[in-house]
Amino acid sequence: MSTNQTSWPIVEVDGPQFNDILRLFKDLRISKEQIIRQLQPRICLQCWMVIQIEDAPQHKKHNQTSDFAQMEEANRPSFLALCKQYDRLTADCKQVILMKVSPKITTNVNLVRSQQANTT
């Protein structure tokens, strides 16, 4: 596991924080809400962070994914494979370095979730 990101939380792959990030990825991928789509969320793989399009210039020389709307589903096996590929998975495959998320993305996703909860 990479040691240069010690300020990132390390979480259990069976834990709630790991499941929360998978849920966030799913929400970002399938959301049709304008406040999510306009952010064009993507992952900066070098910084290990979910960023929005307006952050992309700060990461322009970094390896980034495409917009979540264009990505394949980020499920448990695919995310663990990504963690392993980028040295964010422990040797015993029980812990990962948790990806950070842009605060604006978190705020907007929580707003959409709240609105959806109020309409069901």
PDB file of N, CA and C in Angstrom:
ATOM      1  N   MET A   1       0.852  -1.177   0.000  1.00  0.00           N
ATOM      2  CA  MET A   1       0.000   0.000   0.000  1.00  0.00           C
ATOM      3  C   MET A   1       0.888   1.227   0.000  1.00  0.00           C
ATOM      4  N   SER A   2       0.481   2.211  -0.757  1.00  0.00           N
ATOM      5  CA  SER A   2       1.223   3.454  -0.866  1.00  0.00           C
ATOM      6  C   SER A   2       1.301   4.153   0.492  1.00  0.00           C
ATOM      7  N   THR A   3       2.487   4.612   0.844  1.00  0.00           N
ATOM      8  CA  THR A   3       2.654   5.278   2.134  1.00  0.00           C
ATOM      9  C   THR A   3       2.645   6.791   2.018  1.00  0.00           C
ATOM     10  N   ASN A   4       2.580   7.339   0.815  1.00  0.00           N
ATOM     11  CA  ASN A   4       2.627   8.788   0.653  1.00  0.00           C
ATOM     12  C   ASN A   4       1.265   9.439   0.889  1.00  0.00           C
ATOM     13  N   GLN A   5       0.260   8.684   1.239  1.00  0.00           N
ATOM     14  CA  GLN A   5      -1.062   9.243   1.463  1.00  0.00           C
ATOM     15  C   GLN A   5      -1.558   8.896   2.864  1.00  0.00           C
ATOM     16  N   THR A   6      -0.722   9.185   3.843  1.00  0.00           N
ATOM     17  CA  THR A   6      -1.051   8.797   5.210  1.00  0.00           C
ATOM     18  C   THR A   6      -2.213   9.596   5.781  1.00  0.00           C
ATOM     19  N   SER A   7      -2.557  10.741   5.186  1.00  0.00           N
ATOM     20  CA  SER A   7      -3.685  11.516   5.704  1.00  0.00           C
ATOM     21  C   SER A   7      -5.030  10.987   5.193  1.00  0.00           C
ATOM     22  N   TRP A   8      -5.000  10.047   4.275  1.00  0.00           N
ATOM     23  CA  TRP A   8      -6.230   9.437   3.773  1.00  0.00           C
ATOM     24  C   TRP A   8      -6.653   8.354   4.754  1.00  0.00           C
ATOM     25  N   PRO A   9      -7.961   8.255   5.015  1.00  0.00           N
ATOM     26  CA  PRO A   9      -8.410   7.190   5.927  1.00  0.00           C
ATOM     27  C   PRO A   9      -8.199   5.803   5.313  1.00  0.00           C
ATOM     28  N   ILE A  10      -7.846   4.878   6.153  1.00  0.00           N
ATOM     29  CA  ILE A  10      -7.731   3.472   5.752  1.00  0.00           C
ATOM     30  C   ILE A  10      -8.934   2.766   6.357  1.00  0.00           C
ATOM     31  N   VAL A  11      -9.703   2.092   5.498  1.00  0.00           N
ATOM     32  CA  VAL A  11     -10.958   1.480   5.955  1.00  0.00           C
ATOM     33  C   VAL A  11     -11.015   0.006   5.567  1.00  0.00           C
ATOM     34  N   GLU A  12     -11.841  -0.717   6.287  1.00  0.00           N
ATOM     35  CA  GLU A  12     -12.060  -2.142   6.017  1.00  0.00           C
ATOM     36  C   GLU A  12     -12.930  -2.292   4.763  1.00  0.00           C
ATOM     37  N   VAL A  13     -12.597  -3.267   3.917  1.00  0.00           N
ATOM     38  CA  VAL A  13     -13.389  -3.472   2.697  1.00  0.00           C
ATOM     39  C   VAL A  13     -14.782  -4.000   2.997  1.00  0.00           C
ATOM     40  N   ASP A  14     -15.003  -4.495   4.191  1.00  0.00           N
ATOM     41  CA  ASP A  14     -16.337  -4.938   4.587  1.00  0.00           C
ATOM     42  C   ASP A  14     -17.050  -3.896   5.446  1.00  0.00           C
ATOM     43  N   GLY A  15     -16.449  -2.725   5.593  1.00  0.00           N
ATOM     44  CA  GLY A  15     -16.994  -1.713   6.488  1.00  0.00           C
ATOM     45  C   GLY A  15     -17.948  -0.738   5.825  1.00  0.00           C
ATOM     46  N   PRO A  16     -18.644   0.046   6.639  1.00  0.00           N
ATOM     47  CA  PRO A  16     -19.638   0.988   6.125  1.00  0.00           C
ATOM     48  C   PRO A  16     -19.051   2.112   5.265  1.00  0.00           C
ATOM     49  N   GLN A  17     -17.833   2.572   5.570  1.00  0.00           N
ATOM     50  CA  GLN A  17     -17.250   3.651   4.768  1.00  0.00           C
ATOM     51  C   GLN A  17     -16.931   3.176   3.354  1.00  0.00           C
ATOM     52  N   PHE A  18     -16.500   1.948   3.226  1.00  0.00           N
ATOM     53  CA  PHE A  18     -16.238   1.378   1.906  1.00  0.00           C
ATOM     54  C   PHE A  18     -17.539   1.286   1.114  1.00  0.00           C
ATOM     55  N   ASN A  19     -18.587   0.814   1.770  1.00  0.00           N
ATOM     56  CA  ASN A  19     -19.891   0.722   1.106  1.00  0.00           C
ATOM     57  C   ASN A  19     -20.443   2.097   0.749  1.00  0.00           C
ATOM     58  N   ASP A  20     -20.159   3.097   1.577  1.00  0.00           N
ATOM     59  CA  ASP A  20     -20.608   4.467   1.289  1.00  0.00           C
ATOM     60  C   ASP A  20     -19.979   5.010   0.014  1.00  0.00           C
ATOM     61  N   ILE A  21     -18.683   4.725  -0.193  1.00  0.00           N
ATOM     62  CA  ILE A  21     -18.031   5.236  -1.400  1.00  0.00           C
ATOM     63  C   ILE A  21     -18.579   4.530  -2.633  1.00  0.00           C
ATOM     64  N   LEU A  22     -18.894   3.232  -2.518  1.00  0.00           N
ATOM     65  CA  LEU A  22     -19.503   2.520  -3.651  1.00  0.00           C
ATOM     66  C   LEU A  22     -20.877   3.098  -3.966  1.00  0.00           C
ATOM     67  N   ARG A  23     -21.642   3.430  -2.937  1.00  0.00           N
ATOM     68  CA  ARG A  23     -22.961   4.041  -3.141  1.00  0.00           C
ATOM     69  C   ARG A  23     -22.818   5.414  -3.807  1.00  0.00           C
ATOM     70  N   LEU A  24     -21.821   6.176  -3.381  1.00  0.00           N
ATOM     71  CA  LEU A  24     -21.575   7.483  -3.999  1.00  0.00           C
ATOM     72  C   LEU A  24     -21.258   7.318  -5.480  1.00  0.00           C
ATOM     73  N   PHE A  25     -20.381   6.359  -5.806  1.00  0.00           N
ATOM     74  CA  PHE A  25     -20.039   6.114  -7.205  1.00  0.00           C
ATOM     75  C   PHE A  25     -21.282   5.772  -8.023  1.00  0.00           C
ATOM     76  N   LYS A  26     -22.135   4.935  -7.460  1.00  0.00           N
ATOM     77  CA  LYS A  26     -23.361   4.560  -8.163  1.00  0.00           C
ATOM     78  C   LYS A  26     -24.249   5.790  -8.377  1.00  0.00           C
ATOM     79  N   ASP A  27     -24.416   6.581  -7.342  1.00  0.00           N
ATOM     80  CA  ASP A  27     -25.246   7.787  -7.457  1.00  0.00           C
ATOM     81  C   ASP A  27     -24.691   8.751  -8.503  1.00  0.00           C
ATOM     82  N   LEU A  28     -23.375   8.927  -8.534  1.00  0.00           N
ATOM     83  CA  LEU A  28     -22.767   9.829  -9.508  1.00  0.00           C
ATOM     84  C   LEU A  28     -22.928   9.306 -10.926  1.00  0.00           C
ATOM     85  N   ARG A  29     -22.901   8.003 -11.079  1.00  0.00           N
ATOM     86  CA  ARG A  29     -23.005   7.407 -12.411  1.00  0.00           C
ATOM     87  C   ARG A  29     -24.422   7.464 -12.969  1.00  0.00           C
ATOM     88  N   ILE A  30     -25.419   7.200 -12.133  1.00  0.00           N
ATOM     89  CA  ILE A  30     -26.776   7.074 -12.662  1.00  0.00           C
ATOM     90  C   ILE A  30     -27.620   8.336 -12.510  1.00  0.00           C
ATOM     91  N   SER A  31     -27.121   9.324 -11.770  1.00  0.00           N
ATOM     92  CA  SER A  31     -27.929  10.513 -11.512  1.00  0.00           C
ATOM     93  C   SER A  31     -28.256  11.272 -12.799  1.00  0.00           C
ATOM     94  N   LYS A  32     -29.491  11.672 -12.905  1.00  0.00           N
ATOM     95  CA  LYS A  32     -29.933  12.519 -14.017  1.00  0.00           C
ATOM     96  C   LYS A  32     -30.148  13.959 -13.546  1.00  0.00           C
ATOM     97  N   GLU A  33     -29.868  14.193 -12.266  1.00  0.00           N
ATOM     98  CA  GLU A  33     -30.072  15.513 -11.681  1.00  0.00           C
ATOM     99  C   GLU A  33     -29.047  16.507 -12.220  1.00  0.00           C
ATOM    100  N   GLN A  34     -29.524  17.674 -12.611  1.00  0.00           N
ATOM    101  CA  GLN A  34     -28.656  18.692 -13.192  1.00  0.00           C
ATOM    102  C   GLN A  34     -27.553  19.132 -12.230  1.00  0.00           C
ATOM    103  N   ILE A  35     -27.869  19.226 -10.922  1.00  0.00           N
ATOM    104  CA  ILE A  35     -26.838  19.696  -9.987  1.00  0.00           C
ATOM    105  C   ILE A  35     -25.690  18.696  -9.843  1.00  0.00           C
ATOM    106  N   ILE A  36     -25.916  17.458 -10.242  1.00  0.00           N
ATOM    107  CA  ILE A  36     -24.843  16.456 -10.269  1.00  0.00           C
ATOM    108  C   ILE A  36     -24.170  16.452 -11.640  1.00  0.00           C
ATOM    109  N   ARG A  37     -24.983  16.395 -12.696  1.00  0.00           N
ATOM    110  CA  ARG A  37     -24.448  16.331 -14.067  1.00  0.00           C
ATOM    111  C   ARG A  37     -23.524  17.513 -14.369  1.00  0.00           C
ATOM    112  N   GLN A  38     -23.894  18.714 -13.907  1.00  0.00           N
ATOM    113  CA  GLN A  38     -23.100  19.901 -14.232  1.00  0.00           C
ATOM    114  C   GLN A  38     -21.701  19.850 -13.605  1.00  0.00           C
ATOM    115  N   LEU A  39     -21.531  19.080 -12.548  1.00  0.00           N
ATOM    116  CA  LEU A  39     -20.224  18.947 -11.906  1.00  0.00           C
ATOM    117  C   LEU A  39     -19.270  18.072 -12.715  1.00  0.00           C
ATOM    118  N   GLN A  40     -19.831  17.215 -13.577  1.00  0.00           N
ATOM    119  CA  GLN A  40     -19.055  16.272 -14.382  1.00  0.00           C
ATOM    120  C   GLN A  40     -17.995  15.574 -13.518  1.00  0.00           C
ATOM    121  N   PRO A  41     -18.444  14.880 -12.469  1.00  0.00           N
ATOM    122  CA  PRO A  41     -17.495  14.271 -11.537  1.00  0.00           C
ATOM    123  C   PRO A  41     -16.650  13.191 -12.200  1.00  0.00           C
ATOM    124  N   ARG A  42     -15.417  13.126 -11.767  1.00  0.00           N
ATOM    125  CA  ARG A  42     -14.431  12.167 -12.278  1.00  0.00           C
ATOM    126  C   ARG A  42     -13.438  11.866 -11.162  1.00  0.00           C
ATOM    127  N   ILE A  43     -12.547  10.928 -11.386  1.00  0.00           N
ATOM    128  CA  ILE A  43     -11.552  10.576 -10.383  1.00  0.00           C
ATOM    129  C   ILE A  43     -10.173  11.013 -10.868  1.00  0.00           C
ATOM    130  N   CYS A  44      -9.460  11.730 -10.006  1.00  0.00           N
ATOM    131  CA  CYS A  44      -8.041  11.971 -10.233  1.00  0.00           C
ATOM    132  C   CYS A  44      -7.331  10.804  -9.572  1.00  0.00           C
ATOM    133  N   LEU A  45      -6.767   9.927 -10.380  1.00  0.00           N
ATOM    134  CA  LEU A  45      -6.165   8.704  -9.869  1.00  0.00           C
ATOM    135  C   LEU A  45      -4.860   8.976  -9.128  1.00  0.00           C
ATOM    136  N   GLN A  46      -4.157  10.002  -9.516  1.00  0.00           N
ATOM    137  CA  GLN A  46      -2.911  10.343  -8.832  1.00  0.00           C
ATOM    138  C   GLN A  46      -3.191  10.889  -7.432  1.00  0.00           C
ATOM    139  N   CYS A  47      -4.197  11.753  -7.305  1.00  0.00           N
ATOM    140  CA  CYS A  47      -4.552  12.343  -6.003  1.00  0.00           C
ATOM    141  C   CYS A  47      -5.487  11.446  -5.197  1.00  0.00           C
ATOM    142  N   TRP A  48      -6.061  10.450  -5.845  1.00  0.00           N
ATOM    143  CA  TRP A  48      -7.003   9.515  -5.223  1.00  0.00           C
ATOM    144  C   TRP A  48      -8.167  10.300  -4.642  1.00  0.00           C
ATOM    145  N   MET A  49      -8.829  11.026  -5.570  1.00  0.00           N
ATOM    146  CA  MET A  49      -9.888  11.940  -5.159  1.00  0.00           C
ATOM    147  C   MET A  49     -10.941  12.066  -6.252  1.00  0.00           C
ATOM    148  N   VAL A  50     -12.214  12.134  -5.832  1.00  0.00           N
ATOM    149  CA  VAL A  50     -13.301  12.425  -6.758  1.00  0.00           C
ATOM    150  C   VAL A  50     -13.352  13.940  -6.887  1.00  0.00           C
ATOM    151  N   ILE A  51     -13.184  14.421  -8.113  1.00  0.00           N
ATOM    152  CA  ILE A  51     -13.142  15.865  -8.369  1.00  0.00           C
ATOM    153  C   ILE A  51     -14.274  16.265  -9.300  1.00  0.00           C
ATOM    154  N   GLN A  52     -14.522  17.542  -9.372  1.00  0.00           N
ATOM    155  CA  GLN A  52     -15.512  18.076 -10.315  1.00  0.00           C
ATOM    156  C   GLN A  52     -14.769  18.705 -11.490  1.00  0.00           C
ATOM    157  N   ILE A  53     -15.482  18.981 -12.572  1.00  0.00           N
ATOM    158  CA  ILE A  53     -14.865  19.491 -13.788  1.00  0.00           C
ATOM    159  C   ILE A  53     -14.101  20.789 -13.541  1.00  0.00           C
ATOM    160  N   GLU A  54     -14.595  21.634 -12.646  1.00  0.00           N
ATOM    161  CA  GLU A  54     -13.878  22.900 -12.423  1.00  0.00           C
ATOM    162  C   GLU A  54     -12.555  22.697 -11.691  1.00  0.00           C
ATOM    163  N   ASP A  55     -12.359  21.524 -11.079  1.00  0.00           N
ATOM    164  CA  ASP A  55     -11.080  21.193 -10.442  1.00  0.00           C
ATOM    165  C   ASP A  55     -10.099  20.562 -11.434  1.00  0.00           C
ATOM    166  N   ALA A  56     -10.594  20.132 -12.571  1.00  0.00           N
ATOM    167  CA  ALA A  56      -9.774  19.383 -13.529  1.00  0.00           C
ATOM    168  C   ALA A  56      -8.507  20.122 -13.964  1.00  0.00           C
ATOM    169  N   PRO A  57      -8.530  21.451 -14.183  1.00  0.00           N
ATOM    170  CA  PRO A  57      -7.277  22.116 -14.580  1.00  0.00           C
ATOM    171  C   PRO A  57      -6.149  21.962 -13.546  1.00  0.00           C
ATOM    172  N   GLN A  58      -6.507  21.891 -12.276  1.00  0.00           N
ATOM    173  CA  GLN A  58      -5.490  21.703 -11.232  1.00  0.00           C
ATOM    174  C   GLN A  58      -4.891  20.299 -11.293  1.00  0.00           C
ATOM    175  N   HIS A  59      -5.575  19.401 -11.979  1.00  0.00           N
ATOM    176  CA  HIS A  59      -5.153  18.001 -12.080  1.00  0.00           C
ATOM    177  C   HIS A  59      -4.814  17.625 -13.519  1.00  0.00           C
ATOM    178  N   LYS A  60      -4.598  18.619 -14.377  1.00  0.00           N
ATOM    179  CA  LYS A  60      -4.493  18.351 -15.812  1.00  0.00           C
ATOM    180  C   LYS A  60      -3.332  17.439 -16.194  1.00  0.00           C
ATOM    181  N   LYS A  61      -2.282  17.402 -15.415  1.00  0.00           N
ATOM    182  CA  LYS A  61      -1.157  16.518 -15.736  1.00  0.00           C
ATOM    183  C   LYS A  61      -1.266  15.186 -15.005  1.00  0.00           C
ATOM    184  N   HIS A  62      -2.395  14.977 -14.341  1.00  0.00           N
ATOM    185  CA  HIS A  62      -2.632  13.741 -13.599  1.00  0.00           C
ATOM    186  C   HIS A  62      -3.492  12.796 -14.434  1.00  0.00           C
ATOM    187  N   ASN A  63      -3.419  11.545 -14.129  1.00  0.00           N
ATOM    188  CA  ASN A  63      -4.258  10.545 -14.778  1.00  0.00           C
ATOM    189  C   ASN A  63      -5.669  10.641 -14.190  1.00  0.00           C
ATOM    190  N   GLN A  64      -6.658  10.929 -15.038  1.00  0.00           N
ATOM    191  CA  GLN A  64      -8.045  11.073 -14.599  1.00  0.00           C
ATOM    192  C   GLN A  64      -8.940  10.114 -15.366  1.00  0.00           C
ATOM    193  N   THR A  65     -10.023   9.733 -14.714  1.00  0.00           N
ATOM    194  CA  THR A  65     -11.043   8.955 -15.414  1.00  0.00           C
ATOM    195  C   THR A  65     -11.911   9.927 -16.204  1.00  0.00           C
ATOM    196  N   SER A  66     -12.795   9.374 -16.996  1.00  0.00           N
ATOM    197  CA  SER A  66     -13.804  10.208 -17.646  1.00  0.00           C
ATOM    198  C   SER A  66     -14.902  10.514 -16.634  1.00  0.00           C
ATOM    199  N   ASP A  67     -15.852  11.307 -17.044  1.00  0.00           N
ATOM    200  CA  ASP A  67     -17.010  11.652 -16.225  1.00  0.00           C
ATOM    201  C   ASP A  67     -17.709  10.363 -15.776  1.00  0.00           C
ATOM    202  N   PHE A  68     -18.203  10.353 -14.539  1.00  0.00           N
ATOM    203  CA  PHE A  68     -18.883   9.164 -14.012  1.00  0.00           C
ATOM    204  C   PHE A  68     -20.028   8.708 -14.915  1.00  0.00           C
ATOM    205  N   ALA A  69     -20.712   9.640 -15.558  1.00  0.00           N
ATOM    206  CA  ALA A  69     -21.837   9.282 -16.421  1.00  0.00           C
ATOM    207  C   ALA A  69     -21.391   8.381 -17.578  1.00  0.00           C
ATOM    208  N   GLN A  70     -20.115   8.444 -17.938  1.00  0.00           N
ATOM    209  CA  GLN A  70     -19.591   7.656 -19.048  1.00  0.00           C
ATOM    210  C   GLN A  70     -18.860   6.398 -18.588  1.00  0.00           C
ATOM    211  N   MET A  71     -18.717   6.236 -17.296  1.00  0.00           N
ATOM    212  CA  MET A  71     -17.972   5.098 -16.752  1.00  0.00           C
ATOM    213  C   MET A  71     -18.851   3.858 -16.632  1.00  0.00           C
ATOM    214  N   GLU A  72     -18.192   2.725 -16.584  1.00  0.00           N
ATOM    215  CA  GLU A  72     -18.906   1.491 -16.259  1.00  0.00           C
ATOM    216  C   GLU A  72     -19.218   1.511 -14.771  1.00  0.00           C
ATOM    217  N   GLU A  73     -20.128   0.641 -14.367  1.00  0.00           N
ATOM    218  CA  GLU A  73     -20.509   0.586 -12.960  1.00  0.00           C
ATOM    219  C   GLU A  73     -19.296   0.290 -12.075  1.00  0.00           C
ATOM    220  N   ALA A  74     -19.171   1.064 -11.006  1.00  0.00           N
ATOM    221  CA  ALA A  74     -18.102   0.837 -10.029  1.00  0.00           C
ATOM    222  C   ALA A  74     -18.653  -0.060  -8.933  1.00  0.00           C
ATOM    223  N   ASN A  75     -18.475  -1.341  -9.103  1.00  0.00           N
ATOM    224  CA  ASN A  75     -18.947  -2.290  -8.094  1.00  0.00           C
ATOM    225  C   ASN A  75     -17.767  -2.722  -7.219  1.00  0.00           C
ATOM    226  N   ARG A  76     -18.044  -3.545  -6.256  1.00  0.00           N
ATOM    227  CA  ARG A  76     -17.020  -3.984  -5.305  1.00  0.00           C
ATOM    228  C   ARG A  76     -15.783  -4.577  -6.005  1.00  0.00           C
ATOM    229  N   PRO A  77     -15.947  -5.576  -6.888  1.00  0.00           N
ATOM    230  CA  PRO A  77     -14.754  -6.152  -7.531  1.00  0.00           C
ATOM    231  C   PRO A  77     -13.974  -5.143  -8.385  1.00  0.00           C
ATOM    232  N   SER A  78     -14.686  -4.302  -9.120  1.00  0.00           N
ATOM    233  CA  SER A  78     -13.967  -3.359  -9.984  1.00  0.00           C
ATOM    234  C   SER A  78     -13.245  -2.286  -9.168  1.00  0.00           C
ATOM    235  N   PHE A  79     -13.864  -1.839  -8.062  1.00  0.00           N
ATOM    236  CA  PHE A  79     -13.198  -0.839  -7.235  1.00  0.00           C
ATOM    237  C   PHE A  79     -11.999  -1.446  -6.500  1.00  0.00           C
ATOM    238  N   LEU A  80     -12.129  -2.676  -6.027  1.00  0.00           N
ATOM    239  CA  LEU A  80     -10.985  -3.330  -5.388  1.00  0.00           C
ATOM    240  C   LEU A  80      -9.842  -3.523  -6.385  1.00  0.00           C
ATOM    241  N   ALA A  81     -10.170  -3.845  -7.626  1.00  0.00           N
ATOM    242  CA  ALA A  81      -9.139  -3.982  -8.664  1.00  0.00           C
ATOM    243  C   ALA A  81      -8.441  -2.645  -8.912  1.00  0.00           C
ATOM    244  N   LEU A  82      -9.225  -1.557  -8.926  1.00  0.00           N
ATOM    245  CA  LEU A  82      -8.645  -0.220  -9.099  1.00  0.00           C
ATOM    246  C   LEU A  82      -7.736   0.113  -7.918  1.00  0.00           C
ATOM    247  N   CYS A  83      -8.192  -0.192  -6.704  1.00  0.00           N
ATOM    248  CA  CYS A  83      -7.380   0.041  -5.504  1.00  0.00           C
ATOM    249  C   CYS A  83      -6.063  -0.738  -5.585  1.00  0.00           C
ATOM    250  N   LYS A  84      -6.147  -1.967  -6.030  1.00  0.00           N
ATOM    251  CA  LYS A  84      -4.943  -2.790  -6.154  1.00  0.00           C
ATOM    252  C   LYS A  84      -4.015  -2.221  -7.220  1.00  0.00           C
ATOM    253  N   GLN A  85      -4.575  -1.838  -8.356  1.00  0.00           N
ATOM    254  CA  GLN A  85      -3.781  -1.290  -9.458  1.00  0.00           C
ATOM    255  C   GLN A  85      -3.015  -0.046  -9.034  1.00  0.00           C
ATOM    256  N   TYR A  86      -3.632   0.798  -8.198  1.00  0.00           N
ATOM    257  CA  TYR A  86      -3.016   2.055  -7.779  1.00  0.00           C
ATOM    258  C   TYR A  86      -2.420   1.972  -6.370  1.00  0.00           C
ATOM    259  N   ASP A  87      -2.159   0.752  -5.916  1.00  0.00           N
ATOM    260  CA  ASP A  87      -1.489   0.500  -4.643  1.00  0.00           C
ATOM    261  C   ASP A  87      -2.216   1.139  -3.463  1.00  0.00           C
ATOM    262  N   ARG A  88      -3.545   1.001  -3.451  1.00  0.00           N
ATOM    263  CA  ARG A  88      -4.369   1.515  -2.352  1.00  0.00           C
ATOM    264  C   ARG A  88      -5.064   0.382  -1.597  1.00  0.00           C
ATOM    265  N   LEU A  89      -4.573  -0.840  -1.777  1.00  0.00           N
ATOM    266  CA  LEU A  89      -5.153  -2.026  -1.154  1.00  0.00           C
ATOM    267  C   LEU A  89      -4.055  -2.750  -0.376  1.00  0.00           C
ATOM    268  N   THR A  90      -4.361  -3.162   0.867  1.00  0.00           N
ATOM    269  CA  THR A  90      -3.362  -3.882   1.654  1.00  0.00           C
ATOM    270  C   THR A  90      -3.089  -5.251   1.031  1.00  0.00           C
ATOM    271  N   ALA A  91      -1.954  -5.812   1.377  1.00  0.00           N
ATOM    272  CA  ALA A  91      -1.545  -7.102   0.817  1.00  0.00           C
ATOM    273  C   ALA A  91      -2.553  -8.199   1.131  1.00  0.00           C
ATOM    274  N   ASP A  92      -3.195  -8.120   2.294  1.00  0.00           N
ATOM    275  CA  ASP A  92      -4.183  -9.145   2.652  1.00  0.00           C
ATOM    276  C   ASP A  92      -5.575  -8.846   2.073  1.00  0.00           C
ATOM    277  N   CYS A  93      -5.696  -7.747   1.318  1.00  0.00           N
ATOM    278  CA  CYS A  93      -6.941  -7.345   0.638  1.00  0.00           C
ATOM    279  C   CYS A  93      -8.094  -7.071   1.607  1.00  0.00           C
ATOM    280  N   LYS A  94      -7.776  -6.673   2.823  1.00  0.00           N
ATOM    281  CA  LYS A  94      -8.813  -6.397   3.812  1.00  0.00           C
ATOM    282  C   LYS A  94      -9.036  -4.914   4.070  1.00  0.00           C
ATOM    283  N   GLN A  95      -8.111  -4.059   3.625  1.00  0.00           N
ATOM    284  CA  GLN A  95      -8.239  -2.625   3.846  1.00  0.00           C
ATOM    285  C   GLN A  95      -7.849  -1.867   2.583  1.00  0.00           C
ATOM    286  N   VAL A  96      -8.469  -0.689   2.410  1.00  0.00           N
ATOM    287  CA  VAL A  96      -8.130   0.204   1.307  1.00  0.00           C
ATOM    288  C   VAL A  96      -7.924   1.614   1.843  1.00  0.00           C
ATOM    289  N   ILE A  97      -7.174   2.402   1.077  1.00  0.00           N
ATOM    290  CA  ILE A  97      -7.099   3.828   1.351  1.00  0.00           C
ATOM    291  C   ILE A  97      -8.350   4.424   0.727  1.00  0.00           C
ATOM    292  N   LEU A  98      -9.143   5.072   1.544  1.00  0.00           N
ATOM    293  CA  LEU A  98     -10.417   5.622   1.086  1.00  0.00           C
ATOM    294  C   LEU A  98     -10.188   6.860   0.226  1.00  0.00           C
ATOM    295  N   MET A  99     -10.887   6.953  -0.869  1.00  0.00           N
ATOM    296  CA  MET A  99     -10.782   8.082  -1.771  1.00  0.00           C
ATOM    297  C   MET A  99     -11.418   9.323  -1.139  1.00  0.00           C
ATOM    298  N   LYS A 100     -10.784  10.458  -1.311  1.00  0.00           N
ATOM    299  CA  LYS A 100     -11.374  11.715  -0.849  1.00  0.00           C
ATOM    300  C   LYS A 100     -12.366  12.188  -1.914  1.00  0.00           C
ATOM    301  N   VAL A 101     -13.301  13.046  -1.499  1.00  0.00           N
ATOM    302  CA  VAL A 101     -14.351  13.528  -2.397  1.00  0.00           C
ATOM    303  C   VAL A 101     -14.432  15.041  -2.275  1.00  0.00           C
ATOM    304  N   SER A 102     -14.504  15.714  -3.414  1.00  0.00           N
ATOM    305  CA  SER A 102     -14.671  17.167  -3.429  1.00  0.00           C
ATOM    306  C   SER A 102     -15.883  17.549  -2.585  1.00  0.00           C
ATOM    307  N   PRO A 103     -15.749  18.550  -1.707  1.00  0.00           N
ATOM    308  CA  PRO A 103     -16.879  18.947  -0.852  1.00  0.00           C
ATOM    309  C   PRO A 103     -18.141  19.331  -1.630  1.00  0.00           C
ATOM    310  N   LYS A 104     -17.986  19.968  -2.779  1.00  0.00           N
ATOM    311  CA  LYS A 104     -19.169  20.365  -3.563  1.00  0.00           C
ATOM    312  C   LYS A 104     -19.917  19.139  -4.073  1.00  0.00           C
ATOM    313  N   ILE A 105     -19.197  18.102  -4.434  1.00  0.00           N
ATOM    314  CA  ILE A 105     -19.844  16.867  -4.880  1.00  0.00           C
ATOM    315  C   ILE A 105     -20.612  16.249  -3.722  1.00  0.00           C
ATOM    316  N   THR A 106     -19.979  16.170  -2.572  1.00  0.00           N
ATOM    317  CA  THR A 106     -20.647  15.614  -1.391  1.00  0.00           C
ATOM    318  C   THR A 106     -21.913  16.396  -1.066  1.00  0.00           C
ATOM    319  N   THR A 107     -21.823  17.709  -1.065  1.00  0.00           N
ATOM    320  CA  THR A 107     -22.974  18.562  -0.752  1.00  0.00           C
ATOM    321  C   THR A 107     -24.114  18.330  -1.736  1.00  0.00           C
ATOM    322  N   ASN A 108     -23.806  18.307  -3.015  1.00  0.00           N
ATOM    323  CA  ASN A 108     -24.856  18.149  -4.024  1.00  0.00           C
ATOM    324  C   ASN A 108     -25.477  16.757  -4.011  1.00  0.00           C
ATOM    325  N   VAL A 109     -24.670  15.739  -3.791  1.00  0.00           N
ATOM    326  CA  VAL A 109     -25.208  14.386  -3.714  1.00  0.00           C
ATOM    327  C   VAL A 109     -26.124  14.263  -2.499  1.00  0.00           C
ATOM    328  N   ASN A 110     -25.706  14.810  -1.372  1.00  0.00           N
ATOM    329  CA  ASN A 110     -26.545  14.755  -0.170  1.00  0.00           C
ATOM    330  C   ASN A 110     -27.853  15.518  -0.363  1.00  0.00           C
ATOM    331  N   LEU A 111     -27.810  16.625  -1.089  1.00  0.00           N
ATOM    332  CA  LEU A 111     -29.020  17.386  -1.391  1.00  0.00           C
ATOM    333  C   LEU A 111     -29.980  16.552  -2.235  1.00  0.00           C
ATOM    334  N   VAL A 112     -29.473  15.905  -3.263  1.00  0.00           N
ATOM    335  CA  VAL A 112     -30.318  15.067  -4.117  1.00  0.00           C
ATOM    336  C   VAL A 112     -30.887  13.899  -3.331  1.00  0.00           C
ATOM    337  N   ARG A 113     -30.074  13.265  -2.508  1.00  0.00           N
ATOM    338  CA  ARG A 113     -30.552  12.148  -1.686  1.00  0.00           C
ATOM    339  C   ARG A 113     -31.659  12.611  -0.759  1.00  0.00           C
ATOM    340  N   SER A 114     -31.497  13.773  -0.153  1.00  0.00           N
ATOM    341  CA  SER A 114     -32.510  14.318   0.755  1.00  0.00           C
ATOM    342  C   SER A 114     -33.817  14.602   0.019  1.00  0.00           C
ATOM    343  N   GLN A 115     -33.715  15.187  -1.171  1.00  0.00           N
ATOM    344  CA  GLN A 115     -34.907  15.472  -1.964  1.00  0.00           C
ATOM    345  C   GLN A 115     -35.620  14.180  -2.355  1.00  0.00           C
ATOM    346  N   GLN A 116     -34.841  13.173  -2.730  1.00  0.00           N
ATOM    347  CA  GLN A 116     -35.439  11.890  -3.116  1.00  0.00           C
ATOM    348  C   GLN A 116     -36.105  11.218  -1.926  1.00  0.00           C
ATOM    349  N   ALA A 117     -35.511  11.328  -0.753  1.00  0.00           N
ATOM    350  CA  ALA A 117     -36.092  10.734   0.449  1.00  0.00           C
ATOM    351  C   ALA A 117     -37.413  11.414   0.821  1.00  0.00           C
ATOM    352  N   ASN A 118     -37.519  12.699   0.549  1.00  0.00           N
ATOM    353  CA  ASN A 118     -38.729  13.450   0.862  1.00  0.00           C
ATOM    354  C   ASN A 118     -39.875  13.184  -0.117  1.00  0.00           C
ATOM    355  N   THR A 119     -39.531  12.638  -1.295  1.00  0.00           N
ATOM    356  CA  THR A 119     -40.578  12.376  -2.294  1.00  0.00           C
ATOM    357  C   THR A 119     -41.034  10.928  -2.292  1.00  0.00           C
ATOM    358  N   THR A 120     -40.389  10.086  -1.484  1.00  0.00           N
ATOM    359  CA  THR A 120     -40.811   8.681  -1.447  1.00  0.00           C
ATOM    360  C   THR A 120     -41.620   8.363  -0.218  1.00  0.00           C
TER     361      THR A 120
END
